[in-house]
Amino acid sequence: MKIGALLQACRTRAGLSQEEMADKLHRSQSCISKIEKDKKTVDVQTFVEWLKITQAQEVAVAFLYGMDGISIIQNLMPLIGG
């Protein structure tokens, strides 16, 4: 599963840019980009904080219950922008 795409969908749904997310997580924009491209592994603390910031706690629940990333993203996409 590509966790980066999942986190990117959460960020996009929340209407945050990579720069804004970086600021909230006290990381660089480059770090956020690498996480979203799965070039950098996200630690549990950052994962949880990311979901809190984007108000996407349901994603953590779905992820922990074994729902695949594509299903989670498909459920998020209709919510983006509205």
Protein backbone atom coordinates (compact mmCIF):
# COMPACT_ATOMS: atom_id res chain seq x y z
CA MET A 1 0.00 0.00 0.00
CA LYS A 2 1.22 3.47 -0.85
CA ILE A 3 0.79 5.46 2.36
CA GLY A 4 2.09 8.62 0.68
CA ALA A 5 -0.84 8.84 -1.73
CA LEU A 6 -3.20 8.30 1.17
CA LEU A 7 -1.65 11.13 3.18
CA GLN A 8 -1.63 13.37 0.12
CA ALA A 9 -5.37 12.74 -0.36
CA CYS A 10 -5.98 13.69 3.29
CA ARG A 11 -3.94 16.88 2.91
CA THR A 12 -5.69 17.80 -0.33
CA ARG A 13 -9.12 17.17 1.19
CA ALA A 14 -8.18 19.50 4.06
CA GLY A 15 -7.23 22.21 1.55
CA LEU A 16 -3.62 22.42 2.70
CA SER A 17 -0.58 22.94 0.52
CA GLN A 18 2.60 20.99 1.14
CA GLU A 19 4.12 24.17 2.58
CA GLU A 20 1.23 24.61 5.03
CA MET A 21 1.44 20.97 6.10
CA ALA A 22 5.20 21.28 6.54
CA ASP A 23 4.71 24.30 8.78
CA LYS A 24 2.12 22.53 10.93
CA LEU A 25 4.33 19.43 11.29
CA HIS A 26 7.54 21.42 11.78
CA ARG A 27 9.07 19.78 8.72
CA SER A 28 10.32 21.09 5.38
CA GLN A 29 8.19 21.14 2.24
CA SER A 30 10.74 18.77 0.74
CA CYS A 31 10.13 16.30 3.58
CA ILE A 32 6.36 16.40 2.96
CA SER A 33 6.93 15.84 -0.76
CA LYS A 34 9.17 12.84 -0.07
CA ILE A 35 6.59 11.34 2.31
CA GLU A 36 3.82 11.76 -0.26
CA LYS A 37 5.99 10.14 -2.97
CA ASP A 38 6.90 7.27 -0.61
CA LYS A 39 10.56 8.24 -0.81
CA LYS A 40 10.64 8.79 2.96
CA THR A 41 9.01 6.60 5.58
CA VAL A 42 6.55 8.36 7.84
CA ASP A 43 6.89 7.61 11.55
CA VAL A 44 3.82 6.79 13.65
CA GLN A 45 3.83 10.11 15.50
CA THR A 46 3.90 12.10 12.25
CA PHE A 47 1.21 9.84 10.73
CA VAL A 48 -1.12 10.44 13.68
CA GLU A 49 -0.41 14.18 13.76
CA TRP A 50 -0.98 14.41 9.97
CA LEU A 51 -4.40 12.80 10.36
CA LYS A 52 -5.31 15.10 13.26
CA ILE A 53 -4.31 18.20 11.30
CA THR A 54 -6.32 17.08 8.27
CA GLN A 55 -9.21 15.89 10.44
CA ALA A 56 -8.98 12.46 8.83
CA GLN A 57 -8.99 10.18 11.84
CA GLU A 58 -11.32 7.82 9.96
CA VAL A 59 -8.37 7.09 7.66
CA ALA A 60 -6.33 5.78 10.59
CA VAL A 61 -9.20 3.55 11.65
CA ALA A 62 -9.67 2.20 8.13
CA PHE A 63 -5.91 1.70 7.76
CA LEU A 64 -5.63 -0.12 11.09
CA TYR A 65 -8.55 -2.37 10.21
CA GLY A 66 -6.78 -3.41 7.04
CA MET A 67 -8.74 -1.49 4.41
CA ASP A 68 -6.56 -1.11 1.34
CA GLY A 69 -5.27 2.32 0.39
CA ILE A 70 -7.20 2.51 -2.87
CA SER A 71 -10.52 1.96 -1.11
CA ILE A 72 -9.68 4.61 1.46
CA ILE A 73 -8.68 7.11 -1.23
CA GLN A 74 -11.83 6.37 -3.23
CA ASN A 75 -13.87 7.17 -0.13
CA LEU A 76 -11.92 10.41 0.40
CA MET A 77 -12.07 11.68 -3.18
CA PRO A 78 -15.79 12.56 -3.21
CA LEU A 79 -15.13 14.69 -0.12
CA ILE A 80 -12.35 16.74 -1.69
CA GLY A 81 -13.47 20.24 -2.43
CA GLY A 82 -16.76 19.98 -0.66
